[in-house]
Amino acid sequence: MSNIIGDKLKSLREEKHIPQRLLASLLNIDTATYCKIEKGGRRIRREQILLVADYLQVDKKQLLQLWSADRIFDIIADEEDATQILNVVSSNILGYEH
């Protein structure tokens, strides 16, 4: 399981000298659960990302991109042709952009 978003949350939290218990409280979860999010043992929900971004005063879009990247990684990481899969997705997404 990828932990792109967990690593970023930990980095942001440490930069701002915020204890895990404070973010856990913000998300209405216990500290152990928040710790699992940072370590990649548990997934953070989309709405929780938005709360954290507001609290830490960071770009919501960037955090949501990292959150999405984790999800995509988990889906295709074990695929032999993961790079080709990403290329197909990328080509199709570019076709939808206006």
N, C-alpha and C. Protein backbone atom coordinates (compact mmCIF):
# COMPACT_ATOMS: atom_id res chain seq x y z
N MET A 1 0.85 -1.18 0.00
CA MET A 1 0.00 0.00 0.00
C MET A 1 0.90 1.24 0.00
N SER A 2 0.58 2.15 -0.88
CA SER A 2 1.33 3.39 -0.99
C SER A 2 0.97 4.31 0.17
N ASN A 3 1.90 5.20 0.51
CA ASN A 3 1.66 6.12 1.61
C ASN A 3 2.08 7.55 1.26
N ILE A 4 1.76 7.96 0.07
CA ILE A 4 2.13 9.29 -0.38
C ILE A 4 1.49 10.36 0.50
N ILE A 5 0.19 10.24 0.74
CA ILE A 5 -0.52 11.26 1.52
C ILE A 5 -0.13 11.20 2.99
N GLY A 6 0.07 10.02 3.53
CA GLY A 6 0.46 9.91 4.93
C GLY A 6 1.80 10.56 5.20
N ASP A 7 2.75 10.34 4.29
CA ASP A 7 4.06 10.96 4.43
C ASP A 7 3.96 12.49 4.36
N LYS A 8 3.12 12.99 3.46
CA LYS A 8 2.96 14.43 3.32
C LYS A 8 2.31 15.03 4.56
N LEU A 9 1.28 14.37 5.09
CA LEU A 9 0.62 14.87 6.29
C LEU A 9 1.59 14.92 7.46
N LYS A 10 2.40 13.88 7.60
CA LYS A 10 3.38 13.86 8.68
C LYS A 10 4.37 15.00 8.52
N SER A 11 4.85 15.20 7.31
CA SER A 11 5.81 16.27 7.05
C SER A 11 5.22 17.64 7.37
N LEU A 12 4.00 17.89 6.92
CA LEU A 12 3.35 19.17 7.19
C LEU A 12 3.12 19.37 8.68
N ARG A 13 2.67 18.31 9.34
CA ARG A 13 2.40 18.39 10.77
C ARG A 13 3.67 18.69 11.55
N GLU A 14 4.74 18.01 11.19
CA GLU A 14 6.02 18.22 11.88
C GLU A 14 6.59 19.62 11.62
N GLU A 15 6.44 20.10 10.39
CA GLU A 15 6.91 21.45 10.05
C GLU A 15 6.24 22.51 10.93
N LYS A 16 4.96 22.25 11.23
CA LYS A 16 4.19 23.21 12.00
C LYS A 16 4.17 22.88 13.50
N HIS A 17 4.92 21.87 13.88
CA HIS A 17 5.04 21.47 15.29
C HIS A 17 3.68 21.20 15.93
N ILE A 18 2.86 20.44 15.23
CA ILE A 18 1.52 20.10 15.70
C ILE A 18 1.52 18.64 16.14
N PRO A 19 1.06 18.35 17.33
CA PRO A 19 1.03 16.95 17.78
C PRO A 19 -0.06 16.15 17.05
N GLN A 20 0.18 14.87 16.91
CA GLN A 20 -0.80 14.00 16.26
C GLN A 20 -2.15 14.07 16.94
N ARG A 21 -2.16 14.18 18.24
CA ARG A 21 -3.43 14.18 18.97
C ARG A 21 -4.33 15.35 18.58
N LEU A 22 -3.70 16.47 18.20
CA LEU A 22 -4.49 17.65 17.79
C LEU A 22 -5.18 17.40 16.46
N LEU A 23 -4.47 16.84 15.50
CA LEU A 23 -5.11 16.52 14.21
C LEU A 23 -6.12 15.40 14.37
N ALA A 24 -5.83 14.45 15.23
CA ALA A 24 -6.79 13.38 15.49
C ALA A 24 -8.09 13.97 16.04
N SER A 25 -7.97 14.88 16.96
CA SER A 25 -9.15 15.53 17.53
C SER A 25 -9.93 16.29 16.46
N LEU A 26 -9.22 16.99 15.60
CA LEU A 26 -9.85 17.73 14.50
C LEU A 26 -10.68 16.79 13.62
N LEU A 27 -10.15 15.59 13.39
CA LEU A 27 -10.81 14.62 12.53
C LEU A 27 -11.80 13.73 13.28
N ASN A 28 -11.91 13.96 14.57
CA ASN A 28 -12.81 13.19 15.43
C ASN A 28 -12.48 11.69 15.42
N ILE A 29 -11.17 11.42 15.49
CA ILE A 29 -10.68 10.05 15.59
C ILE A 29 -9.66 9.99 16.72
N ASP A 30 -9.32 8.80 17.16
CA ASP A 30 -8.31 8.72 18.23
C ASP A 30 -6.91 8.85 17.64
N THR A 31 -5.96 9.13 18.51
CA THR A 31 -4.59 9.37 18.08
C THR A 31 -3.99 8.15 17.40
N ALA A 32 -4.30 6.96 17.89
CA ALA A 32 -3.77 5.73 17.29
C ALA A 32 -4.23 5.59 15.84
N THR A 33 -5.48 5.95 15.57
CA THR A 33 -6.01 5.89 14.21
C THR A 33 -5.30 6.90 13.32
N TYR A 34 -5.08 8.11 13.85
CA TYR A 34 -4.37 9.12 13.06
C TYR A 34 -2.94 8.65 12.78
N CYS A 35 -2.31 8.06 13.75
CA CYS A 35 -0.95 7.54 13.58
C CYS A 35 -0.91 6.51 12.45
N LYS A 36 -1.93 5.66 12.37
CA LYS A 36 -2.01 4.67 11.30
C LYS A 36 -2.14 5.34 9.94
N ILE A 37 -2.84 6.47 9.89
CA ILE A 37 -2.96 7.22 8.63
C ILE A 37 -1.59 7.69 8.18
N GLU A 38 -0.82 8.27 9.08
CA GLU A 38 0.51 8.75 8.72
C GLU A 38 1.45 7.62 8.32
N LYS A 39 1.27 6.46 8.91
CA LYS A 39 2.15 5.32 8.62
C LYS A 39 1.67 4.48 7.45
N GLY A 40 0.49 4.80 6.91
CA GLY A 40 -0.02 4.07 5.76
C GLY A 40 -0.83 2.85 6.09
N GLY A 41 -1.12 2.63 7.36
CA GLY A 41 -1.91 1.47 7.77
C GLY A 41 -3.40 1.68 7.66
N ARG A 42 -3.79 2.90 7.41
CA ARG A 42 -5.21 3.24 7.29
C ARG A 42 -5.34 4.40 6.31
N ARG A 43 -6.41 4.40 5.55
CA ARG A 43 -6.66 5.47 4.58
C ARG A 43 -7.44 6.62 5.21
N ILE A 44 -7.04 7.81 4.87
CA ILE A 44 -7.78 9.00 5.28
C ILE A 44 -8.89 9.23 4.26
N ARG A 45 -10.02 9.71 4.71
CA ARG A 45 -11.14 9.97 3.80
C ARG A 45 -10.99 11.34 3.15
N ARG A 46 -11.63 11.50 2.01
CA ARG A 46 -11.54 12.74 1.24
C ARG A 46 -11.95 13.95 2.08
N GLU A 47 -13.06 13.83 2.78
CA GLU A 47 -13.54 14.96 3.58
C GLU A 47 -12.57 15.30 4.72
N GLN A 48 -11.84 14.31 5.20
CA GLN A 48 -10.84 14.56 6.23
C GLN A 48 -9.65 15.32 5.66
N ILE A 49 -9.29 15.03 4.41
CA ILE A 49 -8.21 15.76 3.75
C ILE A 49 -8.55 17.25 3.71
N LEU A 50 -9.79 17.56 3.39
CA LEU A 50 -10.21 18.97 3.30
C LEU A 50 -10.11 19.66 4.66
N LEU A 51 -10.50 18.97 5.72
CA LEU A 51 -10.39 19.53 7.07
C LEU A 51 -8.93 19.80 7.44
N VAL A 52 -8.07 18.85 7.16
CA VAL A 52 -6.65 19.00 7.48
C VAL A 52 -6.04 20.15 6.68
N ALA A 53 -6.39 20.22 5.40
CA ALA A 53 -5.85 21.29 4.55
C ALA A 53 -6.25 22.66 5.09
N ASP A 54 -7.50 22.80 5.49
CA ASP A 54 -7.95 24.07 6.07
C ASP A 54 -7.19 24.38 7.35
N TYR A 55 -7.08 23.38 8.21
CA TYR A 55 -6.43 23.60 9.51
C TYR A 55 -4.95 23.95 9.34
N LEU A 56 -4.27 23.25 8.44
CA LEU A 56 -2.84 23.49 8.24
C LEU A 56 -2.57 24.65 7.27
N GLN A 57 -3.63 25.16 6.70
CA GLN A 57 -3.53 26.27 5.74
C GLN A 57 -2.61 25.91 4.57
N VAL A 58 -2.92 24.78 3.96
CA VAL A 58 -2.18 24.33 2.78
C VAL A 58 -3.17 24.12 1.63
N ASP A 59 -2.61 23.97 0.44
CA ASP A 59 -3.40 23.83 -0.77
C ASP A 59 -4.22 22.53 -0.77
N LYS A 60 -5.54 22.67 -0.78
CA LYS A 60 -6.42 21.50 -0.79
C LYS A 60 -6.21 20.66 -2.04
N LYS A 61 -6.04 21.34 -3.16
CA LYS A 61 -5.88 20.64 -4.43
C LYS A 61 -4.65 19.73 -4.41
N GLN A 62 -3.54 20.22 -3.86
CA GLN A 62 -2.32 19.41 -3.79
C GLN A 62 -2.54 18.17 -2.92
N LEU A 63 -3.16 18.35 -1.76
CA LEU A 63 -3.40 17.20 -0.88
C LEU A 63 -4.35 16.21 -1.52
N LEU A 64 -5.38 16.70 -2.21
CA LEU A 64 -6.30 15.79 -2.88
C LEU A 64 -5.62 15.04 -4.02
N GLN A 65 -4.68 15.68 -4.70
CA GLN A 65 -3.92 15.00 -5.75
C GLN A 65 -3.09 13.86 -5.16
N LEU A 66 -2.46 14.12 -4.04
CA LEU A 66 -1.65 13.08 -3.38
C LEU A 66 -2.54 11.94 -2.89
N TRP A 67 -3.70 12.28 -2.35
CA TRP A 67 -4.67 11.29 -1.87
C TRP A 67 -5.12 10.41 -3.05
N SER A 68 -5.43 11.04 -4.17
CA SER A 68 -5.84 10.31 -5.37
C SER A 68 -4.71 9.44 -5.89
N ALA A 69 -3.49 9.96 -5.87
CA ALA A 69 -2.34 9.19 -6.34
C ALA A 69 -2.17 7.91 -5.52
N ASP A 70 -2.38 8.00 -4.22
CA ASP A 70 -2.32 6.81 -3.36
C ASP A 70 -3.35 5.77 -3.82
N ARG A 71 -4.54 6.24 -4.07
CA ARG A 71 -5.63 5.33 -4.46
C ARG A 71 -5.31 4.64 -5.78
N ILE A 72 -4.83 5.42 -6.74
CA ILE A 72 -4.50 4.86 -8.05
C ILE A 72 -3.34 3.88 -7.92
N PHE A 73 -2.33 4.24 -7.16
CA PHE A 73 -1.18 3.36 -6.94
C PHE A 73 -1.65 2.01 -6.40
N ASP A 74 -2.53 2.04 -5.41
CA ASP A 74 -3.00 0.80 -4.80
C ASP A 74 -3.74 -0.08 -5.80
N ILE A 75 -4.40 0.53 -6.77
CA ILE A 75 -5.14 -0.24 -7.77
C ILE A 75 -4.21 -0.91 -8.77
N ILE A 76 -3.17 -0.20 -9.21
CA ILE A 76 -2.36 -0.73 -10.31
C ILE A 76 -0.95 -1.18 -9.93
N ALA A 77 -0.57 -1.02 -8.71
CA ALA A 77 0.82 -1.31 -8.31
C ALA A 77 1.27 -2.72 -8.66
N ASP A 78 0.40 -3.68 -8.54
CA ASP A 78 0.79 -5.07 -8.80
C ASP A 78 0.61 -5.49 -10.25
N GLU A 79 0.16 -4.57 -11.08
CA GLU A 79 -0.02 -4.88 -12.50
C GLU A 79 1.33 -4.86 -13.20
N GLU A 80 1.57 -5.83 -14.01
CA GLU A 80 2.84 -5.94 -14.72
C GLU A 80 3.06 -4.75 -15.66
N ASP A 81 1.99 -4.23 -16.21
CA ASP A 81 2.08 -3.14 -17.17
C ASP A 81 1.50 -1.83 -16.61
N ALA A 82 1.84 -1.53 -15.36
CA ALA A 82 1.30 -0.35 -14.68
C ALA A 82 1.60 0.94 -15.43
N THR A 83 2.80 1.07 -15.97
CA THR A 83 3.16 2.28 -16.70
C THR A 83 2.28 2.45 -17.94
N GLN A 84 2.04 1.37 -18.65
CA GLN A 84 1.19 1.44 -19.83
C GLN A 84 -0.25 1.79 -19.44
N ILE A 85 -0.71 1.26 -18.34
CA ILE A 85 -2.05 1.58 -17.85
C ILE A 85 -2.15 3.07 -17.57
N LEU A 86 -1.15 3.61 -16.89
CA LEU A 86 -1.16 5.05 -16.60
C LEU A 86 -1.12 5.87 -17.89
N ASN A 87 -0.38 5.41 -18.87
CA ASN A 87 -0.32 6.11 -20.15
C ASN A 87 -1.69 6.13 -20.84
N VAL A 88 -2.40 5.03 -20.79
CA VAL A 88 -3.74 4.97 -21.38
C VAL A 88 -4.67 5.93 -20.66
N VAL A 89 -4.63 5.90 -19.35
CA VAL A 89 -5.47 6.80 -18.56
C VAL A 89 -5.13 8.25 -18.87
N SER A 90 -3.85 8.57 -18.89
CA SER A 90 -3.40 9.93 -19.16
C SER A 90 -3.88 10.40 -20.53
N SER A 91 -3.74 9.55 -21.53
CA SER A 91 -4.18 9.91 -22.88
C SER A 91 -5.67 10.18 -22.92
N ASN A 92 -6.43 9.36 -22.22
CA ASN A 92 -7.87 9.55 -22.21
C ASN A 92 -8.30 10.78 -21.44
N ILE A 93 -7.60 11.08 -20.36
CA ILE A 93 -7.92 12.28 -19.59
C ILE A 93 -7.61 13.52 -20.41
N LEU A 94 -6.48 13.51 -21.09
CA LEU A 94 -6.12 14.64 -21.93
C LEU A 94 -7.15 14.86 -23.03
N GLY A 95 -7.76 13.78 -23.51
CA GLY A 95 -8.79 13.89 -24.52
C GLY A 95 -10.06 14.56 -24.01
N TYR A 96 -10.29 14.52 -22.70
CA TYR A 96 -11.48 15.12 -22.09
C TYR A 96 -11.28 16.58 -21.72
N GLU A 97 -10.03 17.01 -21.61
CA GLU A 97 -9.78 18.40 -21.20
C GLU A 97 -10.17 19.35 -22.32
N HIS A 98 -10.72 20.48 -21.92
CA HIS A 98 -11.14 21.49 -22.91
C HIS A 98 -10.36 22.75 -22.75
